[in-house]
C-alpha cells in the first residue's frame, strides 16, 4: 500500500496518512508514501484545538487561516461571536466549531449583548442549535458587569436552560463583578466550562471554585486581552485546582498581544511549572472530549490533523494580560501544520481593523513586519544557478 503522506523519524513515532485520516503509526514505518517528510528531532502532535477563539462575525472576529499554518492549530472553536440572528461563518481551510451566544445578536459590538433580556431568547437558541448540530457544540454566555448590566446571572440561567434542552455544555465568561464570580460558579453543571478561569478581574479563588472543579466543571484558560493573570493561576495551583484546557481567546484585540497565539499561551503554562505532556493534553484530547470534537489524538482512524514542533530548550520571557512576566523553559516552534493530511499553505495576515486599540510600539512593529515581508517578496527567490531552462533554444539557431 502507498500512503499519501508519511511523517518519518519524529517523536513519539512515524505517522502515515491516507485519505485524510491517520492510516498507521509506529517506529520505522516503510517509506512507501507519495510524500515523505523527514521530521527527525521534532515532536509530532495531533493538530491543536483552541477551545476559545473568535473567528465569526462581529467586533472581535479574525481569520484563522493566516494564523493556523504557523501555529499548529487545526480546530478553532468560536466562542459566541454569533447568536441566532448573526450565525454565519466563512469557509476556511481549518476545522471550525462554534458555541452559540445566548444573546441572539452575538458579539456584534464590544460588549452589552445581555443587557436586553429580550435578546436572550431560550426558545430561539434551542431551535437554532438543533438546526445546526454539525457546527454548534454548546452555548456561550458572557457574565460580567458590562455584558449583563443590571441582569445579574439571568442570562446564564437562560443559557443553562437552552443547553440542558439540547444536551450540550455551557461556556461562561467570567470577569469584573457584579455578578460575583462565586454566584456564577455555583450554577454550573459537570461538563460546563468556565473560561478566563485564571482571570485577574474575576479572581476565582474561593470555595466555589474548588467545589466547581471537584464536581466536574471544566476550567479553561481563555487568555484574551484581559483574562489571564499569573498570580491567580499560581494561587489556584496551590489550592490543588488545575486548568483542564488551555485556550487563547484569540481575537482582534489579543492577536497582536498579549495572547499572540496558542503555542505562546502554552509556554505561559509551562512557565508556572505545568509539564509539557499535561499542556499538550490541554490543547488536544481534553478540548476534543469537552465538546465531542473529532481529532485530538494520533490514533489510527483519527483525522489527519497534525502539527510538527521543534521543542527548543530556550529560556524566554512571557507575560500575562496585566504585563506581569515569567520565564518559560521551552519554546514551541511550529514547522508544519496539516489539516486532513494536507499541508496548510502560508498566508499573509490581513490589515488590523481601524477600531482596534494598539500601542505605538505595536503599530511600529506591524509596520516593520510589513516592510520585512515586502523586502522578502520583492527579492528574486533564487539566482540563475538555481533555475533550469524550461524551454531550451535550438542550439543551431544563431
Protein backbone atom coordinates (compact mmCIF):
# COMPACT_ATOMS: atom_id res chain seq x y z
CA UNK A 1 0.00 0.00 0.00
CA UNK A 2 1.21 3.53 -0.78
CA UNK A 3 0.23 6.18 1.72
CA UNK A 4 -0.42 9.79 0.78
CA UNK A 5 1.93 11.18 3.43
CA UNK A 6 4.50 9.86 5.88
CA UNK A 7 5.96 11.93 8.70
CA UNK A 8 9.12 9.95 9.41
CA UNK A 9 11.57 9.96 12.30
CA UNK A 10 9.67 12.19 14.71
CA UNK A 11 8.55 11.69 18.29
CA UNK A 12 6.73 9.74 19.50
CA UNK A 13 6.62 7.73 16.24
CA UNK A 14 6.16 7.84 12.47
CA UNK A 15 2.70 8.82 11.25
CA UNK A 16 1.27 7.66 7.91
CA UNK A 17 -1.76 9.31 6.30
CA UNK A 18 -4.16 8.06 3.64
CA UNK A 19 -7.45 9.60 2.55
CA UNK A 20 -7.26 12.39 5.11
CA UNK A 21 -7.02 10.09 8.14
CA UNK A 22 -4.20 8.53 10.12
CA UNK A 23 -3.56 5.15 8.49
CA UNK A 24 -0.65 3.80 10.55
CA UNK A 25 1.73 4.76 13.34
CA UNK A 26 4.92 3.22 14.66
CA UNK A 27 8.66 3.49 14.51
CA UNK A 28 10.40 2.67 11.24
CA UNK A 29 7.33 2.57 9.02
CA UNK A 30 8.14 1.76 5.36
CA UNK A 31 8.84 4.92 3.39
CA UNK A 32 6.11 3.99 0.97
CA UNK A 33 4.25 7.27 0.54
CA UNK A 34 3.58 9.84 -2.11
CA UNK A 35 5.21 12.44 0.15
CA UNK A 36 7.77 11.57 2.82
CA UNK A 37 8.72 14.34 5.25
CA UNK A 38 11.73 13.79 7.49
CA UNK A 39 10.79 15.20 10.91
CA UNK A 40 13.71 13.72 12.83
CA UNK A 41 14.26 15.50 16.13
CA UNK A 42 10.80 17.09 16.03
CA UNK A 43 7.62 16.45 18.01
CA UNK A 44 4.54 15.26 16.10
CA UNK A 45 1.25 16.07 17.83
CA UNK A 46 -2.40 16.00 16.91
CA UNK A 47 -3.46 19.28 15.38
CA UNK A 48 -4.01 21.69 18.25
CA UNK A 49 -7.57 22.56 19.31
CA UNK A 50 -8.13 26.11 20.56
CA UNK A 51 -11.28 25.91 22.68
CA UNK A 52 -11.90 29.67 22.83
CA UNK A 53 -11.36 31.88 19.78
CA UNK A 54 -13.34 34.43 17.78
CA UNK A 55 -13.38 33.64 14.07
CA UNK A 56 -17.01 34.54 13.40
CA UNK A 57 -18.80 37.80 12.68
CA UNK A 58 -18.66 40.97 14.73
CA UNK A 59 -16.30 43.29 16.53
CA UNK A 60 -13.89 40.64 17.77
CA UNK A 61 -13.58 38.34 14.74
CA UNK A 62 -10.35 37.35 13.00
CA UNK A 63 -9.49 34.98 10.13
CA UNK A 64 -7.95 31.68 11.29
CA UNK A 65 -6.08 30.61 8.14
CA UNK A 66 -3.30 33.24 8.27
CA UNK A 67 -2.53 32.07 11.83
CA UNK A 68 -3.19 28.33 11.68
CA UNK A 69 -0.39 27.46 9.26
CA UNK A 70 2.42 28.62 11.58
CA UNK A 71 0.90 27.69 14.95
CA UNK A 72 -0.35 24.11 14.51
CA UNK A 73 -3.96 24.98 15.38
CA UNK A 74 -6.24 22.94 13.13
CA UNK A 75 -9.51 23.24 15.09
CA UNK A 76 -10.83 26.66 16.08
CA UNK A 77 -13.81 26.85 18.43
CA UNK A 78 -15.58 30.17 18.04
CA UNK A 79 -16.84 31.08 21.49
CA UNK A 80 -20.02 33.06 20.99
CA UNK A 81 -19.21 35.52 18.23
CA UNK A 82 -22.53 34.59 16.63
CA UNK A 83 -26.02 34.43 18.05
CA UNK A 84 -29.21 33.21 16.41
CA UNK A 85 -29.54 36.45 14.39
CA UNK A 86 -25.94 36.52 13.17
CA UNK A 87 -25.00 32.88 12.63
CA UNK A 88 -22.63 32.78 9.68
CA UNK A 89 -19.06 31.59 9.27
CA UNK A 90 -16.91 31.99 6.14
CA UNK A 91 -15.26 28.94 4.61
CA UNK A 92 -11.78 28.17 5.94
CA UNK A 93 -9.03 25.62 5.39
CA UNK A 94 -9.25 24.50 9.02
CA UNK A 95 -11.96 22.95 11.16
CA UNK A 96 -14.32 25.45 12.82
CA UNK A 97 -16.83 24.58 15.51
CA UNK A 98 -18.87 27.13 17.42
CA UNK A 99 -20.67 27.90 20.64
CA UNK A 100 -23.91 29.80 20.09
CA UNK A 101 -24.19 33.03 22.04
CA UNK A 102 -27.31 33.02 24.20
CA UNK A 103 -27.78 36.62 23.02
CA UNK A 104 -29.27 36.43 19.53
CA UNK A 105 -27.19 39.47 18.48
CA UNK A 106 -23.91 37.74 19.27
CA UNK A 107 -20.85 39.92 19.69
CA UNK A 108 -21.77 42.49 17.06
CA UNK A 109 -20.29 45.14 19.35
CA UNK A 110 -17.66 45.26 22.04
CA UNK A 111 -20.00 44.43 24.93
CA UNK A 112 -23.51 44.81 26.35
CA UNK A 113 -25.13 41.92 24.47
CA UNK A 114 -27.00 40.65 27.56
CA UNK A 115 -28.39 43.96 28.81
CA UNK A 116 -31.66 43.44 26.94
CA UNK A 117 -33.07 40.10 28.07
CA UNK A 118 -35.32 40.01 25.01
CA UNK A 119 -32.16 39.04 23.09
CA UNK A 120 -31.62 36.07 25.41
CA UNK A 121 -34.41 34.05 23.85
CA UNK A 122 -34.24 30.46 25.08
CA UNK A 123 -36.65 29.01 22.52
CA UNK A 124 -34.81 30.69 19.65
CA UNK A 125 -31.44 29.44 20.94
CA UNK A 126 -32.76 25.87 21.20
CA UNK A 127 -34.22 25.97 17.70
CA UNK A 128 -31.02 27.43 16.23
CA UNK A 129 -28.78 24.88 17.90
CA UNK A 130 -30.93 21.96 16.84
CA UNK A 131 -30.86 23.15 13.23
CA UNK A 132 -27.06 23.46 13.19
CA UNK A 133 -25.81 20.46 15.14
CA UNK A 134 -22.92 19.99 12.71
CA UNK A 135 -21.50 23.39 13.66
CA UNK A 136 -22.77 24.24 17.14
CA UNK A 137 -21.34 22.34 20.12
CA UNK A 138 -22.68 24.35 23.04
CA UNK A 139 -23.89 27.69 24.37
CA UNK A 140 -21.72 30.69 25.30
CA UNK A 141 -22.61 33.49 27.68
CA UNK A 142 -20.57 36.40 29.00
CA UNK A 143 -21.27 37.29 32.62
CA UNK A 144 -19.61 40.48 33.78
CA UNK A 145 -20.91 43.91 34.70
CA UNK A 146 -20.50 45.37 31.21
CA UNK A 147 -22.12 42.47 29.38
CA UNK A 148 -25.15 41.98 31.66
CA UNK A 149 -25.85 45.43 33.09
CA UNK A 150 -28.48 45.01 35.81
CA UNK A 151 -29.48 41.49 34.75
CA UNK A 152 -27.12 39.59 37.03
CA UNK A 153 -26.92 35.86 36.32
CA UNK A 154 -30.23 35.66 34.49
CA UNK A 155 -28.53 35.35 31.05
CA UNK A 156 -26.56 32.40 32.46
CA UNK A 157 -29.75 30.77 33.76
CA UNK A 158 -31.23 31.08 30.28
CA UNK A 159 -28.10 29.66 28.68
CA UNK A 160 -28.24 26.69 31.05
CA UNK A 161 -31.90 26.07 30.21
CA UNK A 162 -31.19 26.06 26.47
CA UNK A 163 -28.13 23.87 26.90
CA UNK A 164 -29.99 21.33 29.03
CA UNK A 165 -32.70 21.06 26.38
CA UNK A 166 -30.07 20.28 23.73
CA UNK A 167 -27.75 18.20 25.94
CA UNK A 168 -24.72 20.43 25.35
CA UNK A 169 -22.38 22.30 27.71
CA UNK A 170 -22.35 25.99 28.54
CA UNK A 171 -19.15 28.02 28.38
CA UNK A 172 -19.37 31.03 30.68
CA UNK A 173 -17.02 34.01 30.53
CA UNK A 174 -16.25 35.49 33.95
CA UNK A 175 -14.91 38.97 34.51
CA UNK A 176 -15.39 42.07 36.61
CA UNK A 177 -18.24 41.84 39.13
CA UNK A 178 -21.12 42.14 39.59
CA UNK A 179 -22.29 39.39 39.47
CA UNK A 180 -19.88 37.81 41.93
CA UNK A 181 -17.84 35.00 40.42
CA UNK A 182 -18.92 32.57 43.15
CA UNK A 183 -22.56 33.12 42.21
CA UNK A 184 -21.70 32.18 38.63
CA UNK A 185 -19.65 29.10 39.56
CA UNK A 186 -22.34 27.75 41.88
CA UNK A 187 -24.78 27.46 38.95
CA UNK A 188 -22.54 25.41 36.67
CA UNK A 189 -23.03 21.69 35.99
CA UNK A 190 -20.44 18.94 35.42
CA UNK A 191 -19.08 19.37 31.91
CA UNK A 192 -19.83 23.08 31.74
CA UNK A 193 -16.81 25.28 31.07
CA UNK A 194 -15.66 28.42 32.85
CA UNK A 195 -13.32 30.38 30.61
CA UNK A 196 -10.90 33.05 31.85
CA UNK A 197 -10.57 30.69 34.80
CA UNK A 198 -7.41 32.49 35.99
CA UNK A 199 -8.77 35.97 35.34
CA UNK A 200 -7.22 38.76 37.35
CA UNK A 201 -10.52 40.65 37.10
CA UNK A 202 -12.73 37.83 38.38
CA UNK A 203 -10.03 36.18 40.55
CA UNK A 204 -11.82 32.85 41.19
CA UNK A 205 -10.04 31.68 44.35
CA UNK A 206 -12.70 30.75 46.88
CA UNK A 207 -14.86 27.86 47.95
CA UNK A 208 -17.00 28.00 44.83
CA UNK A 209 -14.01 27.40 42.55
CA UNK A 210 -12.78 24.37 44.48
CA UNK A 211 -16.27 22.88 44.65
CA UNK A 212 -16.95 23.53 40.95
CA UNK A 213 -13.74 21.81 39.91
CA UNK A 214 -14.49 18.88 42.23
CA UNK A 215 -17.94 18.30 40.67
CA UNK A 216 -16.57 18.31 37.12
CA UNK A 217 -16.83 21.90 35.91
CA UNK A 218 -14.02 22.35 33.37
CA UNK A 219 -11.59 25.22 33.85
CA UNK A 220 -10.36 26.87 30.64
CA UNK A 221 -7.60 29.49 30.48
CA UNK A 222 -9.13 31.76 27.79
CA UNK A 223 -6.19 34.19 27.86
CA UNK A 224 -7.55 37.02 25.67
CA UNK A 225 -6.68 40.65 26.22
CA UNK A 226 -7.67 40.71 29.89
CA UNK A 227 -8.50 37.18 31.05
CA UNK A 228 -5.28 35.67 32.41
CA UNK A 229 -3.13 36.52 35.44
CA UNK A 230 -0.09 34.52 36.55
CA UNK A 231 -0.64 35.21 40.25
CA UNK A 232 -4.25 33.96 40.16
CA UNK A 233 -3.23 30.77 38.36
CA UNK A 234 -0.38 30.15 40.79
CA UNK A 235 -2.72 30.56 43.76
CA UNK A 236 -5.19 28.14 42.14
CA UNK A 237 -2.41 25.59 41.71
CA UNK A 238 -1.60 25.99 45.40
CA UNK A 239 -5.26 25.15 46.11
CA UNK A 240 -4.90 21.95 44.08
CA UNK A 241 -7.02 23.30 41.20
CA UNK A 242 -5.58 22.93 37.71
CA UNK A 243 -6.79 24.18 34.33
CA UNK A 244 -8.41 21.49 32.23
CA UNK A 245 -7.92 23.20 28.87
CA UNK A 246 -5.67 25.95 27.54
CA UNK A 247 -7.12 28.39 25.03
CA UNK A 248 -6.17 31.79 23.71
CA UNK A 249 -9.44 33.72 23.40
CA UNK A 250 -7.69 34.89 20.24
CA UNK A 251 -9.48 37.85 18.71
CA UNK A 252 -8.77 41.17 17.05
CA UNK A 253 -7.62 42.77 20.32
CA UNK A 254 -5.44 39.90 21.60
CA UNK A 255 -3.83 38.64 18.38
CA UNK A 256 -1.03 41.24 18.45
CA UNK A 257 -0.57 40.83 22.20
CA UNK A 258 -0.88 39.87 24.95
CA UNK A 259 -2.06 36.38 23.85
CA UNK A 260 -0.38 36.27 20.38
CA UNK A 261 -1.13 32.59 19.60
CA UNK A 262 -1.67 29.17 21.16
CA UNK A 263 1.98 27.99 21.33
CA UNK A 264 2.87 31.24 23.13
CA UNK A 265 -0.04 30.76 25.52
CA UNK A 266 1.07 27.16 26.13
CA UNK A 267 4.52 28.45 27.06
CA UNK A 268 2.93 30.57 29.79
CA UNK A 269 1.57 27.42 31.42
CA UNK A 270 5.00 25.81 31.14
CA UNK A 271 6.38 28.91 32.88
CA UNK A 272 4.32 28.21 36.00
CA UNK A 273 5.50 24.62 36.15
CA UNK A 274 2.94 22.52 34.27
CA UNK A 275 4.69 19.63 32.47
CA UNK A 276 4.73 19.53 28.69
CA UNK A 277 2.60 16.38 28.44
CA UNK A 278 -0.16 18.00 30.51
CA UNK A 279 0.00 21.18 28.44
CA UNK A 280 -0.28 19.17 25.22
CA UNK A 281 -3.27 17.23 26.55
CA UNK A 282 -4.94 20.54 27.41
CA UNK A 283 -4.84 21.61 23.73
CA UNK A 284 -5.61 18.25 22.10
CA UNK A 285 -7.53 15.39 23.69
CA UNK A 286 -9.15 17.36 26.53
CA UNK A 287 -10.86 20.05 24.39
CA UNK A 288 -11.87 17.35 21.89
CA UNK A 289 -13.60 15.41 24.66
CA UNK A 290 -15.13 18.53 26.22
CA UNK A 291 -17.12 19.34 23.08
CA UNK A 292 -17.24 15.98 21.29
CA UNK A 293 -14.92 17.22 18.55
CA UNK A 294 -13.09 15.00 16.06
CA UNK A 295 -9.32 14.79 16.42
CA UNK A 296 -7.15 15.39 19.42
CA UNK A 297 -5.32 12.06 19.11
CA UNK A 298 -2.79 10.24 16.92
CA UNK A 299 -4.90 7.08 16.90
CA UNK A 300 -5.28 5.19 13.64
CA UNK A 301 -8.53 6.29 12.02
CA UNK A 302 -8.44 9.78 13.55
CA UNK A 303 -8.50 12.81 11.25
CA UNK A 304 -5.03 13.56 9.90
CA UNK A 305 -4.93 16.96 11.59
CA UNK A 306 -1.28 17.11 12.59
CA UNK A 307 1.27 19.57 13.90
CA UNK A 308 5.05 19.26 13.93
CA UNK A 309 7.02 21.25 16.51
CA UNK A 310 10.57 21.89 17.49
CA UNK A 311 10.74 21.78 21.28
CA UNK A 312 13.59 24.16 21.89
CA UNK A 313 15.08 24.32 25.37
CA UNK A 314 15.27 28.08 25.46
CA UNK A 315 14.56 30.31 28.41
CA UNK A 316 12.42 33.27 27.33
CA UNK A 317 10.10 35.83 28.86
CA UNK A 318 6.31 35.53 28.64
CA UNK A 319 3.72 37.95 30.03
CA UNK A 320 0.14 37.69 31.25
CA UNK A 321 -2.70 40.03 30.36
CA UNK A 322 -1.56 42.50 33.03
CA UNK A 323 2.06 42.57 31.80
CA UNK A 324 3.47 40.53 34.67
CA UNK A 325 6.33 38.37 33.46
CA UNK A 326 7.53 34.83 33.98
CA UNK A 327 10.23 32.74 32.26
CA UNK A 328 9.31 29.72 30.15
CA UNK A 329 11.94 26.98 29.92
CA UNK A 330 10.76 25.86 26.47
CA UNK A 331 9.79 27.48 23.18
CA UNK A 332 7.45 25.55 20.87
CA UNK A 333 8.22 26.35 17.23
CA UNK A 334 5.86 25.02 14.60
CA UNK A 335 7.47 23.57 11.45
CA UNK A 336 4.46 22.04 9.67
CA UNK A 337 0.68 22.05 10.09
CA UNK A 338 -1.59 19.58 8.27
CA UNK A 339 -5.39 19.60 8.05
CA UNK A 340 -6.88 16.29 6.87
CA UNK A 341 -3.40 15.33 5.67
CA UNK A 342 -2.97 18.48 3.62
CA UNK A 343 -0.13 20.88 4.39
CA UNK A 344 -1.57 24.28 5.19
CA UNK A 345 -0.08 26.92 2.88
CA UNK A 346 1.49 30.09 4.16
CA UNK A 347 -0.79 33.13 4.16
CA UNK A 348 -0.21 36.80 4.87
CA UNK A 349 -2.26 38.39 7.66
CA UNK A 350 -4.94 40.95 6.79
CA UNK A 351 -4.72 44.57 7.95
CA UNK A 352 -5.75 45.34 11.53
CA UNK A 353 -9.29 46.79 11.73
CA UNK A 354 -9.19 50.53 12.41
CA UNK A 355 -11.19 50.29 15.65
CA UNK A 356 -8.65 48.02 17.39
CA UNK A 357 -6.60 49.89 20.01
CA UNK A 358 -2.84 49.41 19.52
CA UNK A 359 0.13 50.97 21.24
CA UNK A 360 2.65 52.99 19.26
CA UNK A 361 5.11 50.11 19.66
CA UNK A 362 2.60 47.62 18.27
CA UNK A 363 1.91 49.83 15.26
CA UNK A 364 5.64 50.29 14.66
CA UNK A 365 6.20 46.53 14.87
CA UNK A 366 3.40 45.88 12.37
CA UNK A 367 4.86 48.46 10.00
CA UNK A 368 8.29 46.87 10.36
CA UNK A 369 6.82 43.45 9.64
CA UNK A 370 5.15 44.79 6.50
CA UNK A 371 8.47 46.26 5.32
CA UNK A 372 10.27 42.99 6.00
CA UNK A 373 7.65 40.98 4.10
CA UNK A 374 7.75 43.42 1.18
CA UNK A 375 11.54 43.23 1.03
CA UNK A 376 11.48 39.43 1.20
CA UNK A 377 8.90 39.04 -1.55
CA UNK A 378 10.39 41.68 -3.83
CA UNK A 379 13.76 39.93 -3.90
CA UNK A 380 14.07 37.22 -6.62
CA UNK A 381 13.59 33.84 -5.00
CA UNK A 382 16.77 32.26 -6.41
CA UNK A 383 19.56 33.12 -8.83
CA UNK A 384 20.36 31.70 -12.26
CA UNK A 385 22.36 28.81 -10.79
CA UNK A 386 19.18 27.50 -9.10
CA UNK A 387 17.00 27.64 -12.22
CA UNK A 388 16.61 25.42 -15.25
CA UNK A 389 15.93 26.33 -18.84
CA UNK A 390 12.30 25.24 -19.21
CA UNK A 391 12.18 25.93 -22.95
CA UNK A 392 15.70 25.33 -24.36
CA UNK A 393 16.53 27.18 -27.56
CA UNK A 394 17.58 25.28 -30.66
CA UNK A 395 21.35 25.17 -30.37
CA UNK A 396 21.66 25.55 -34.13
CA UNK A 397 19.95 28.94 -34.09
CA UNK A 398 22.27 31.94 -34.50
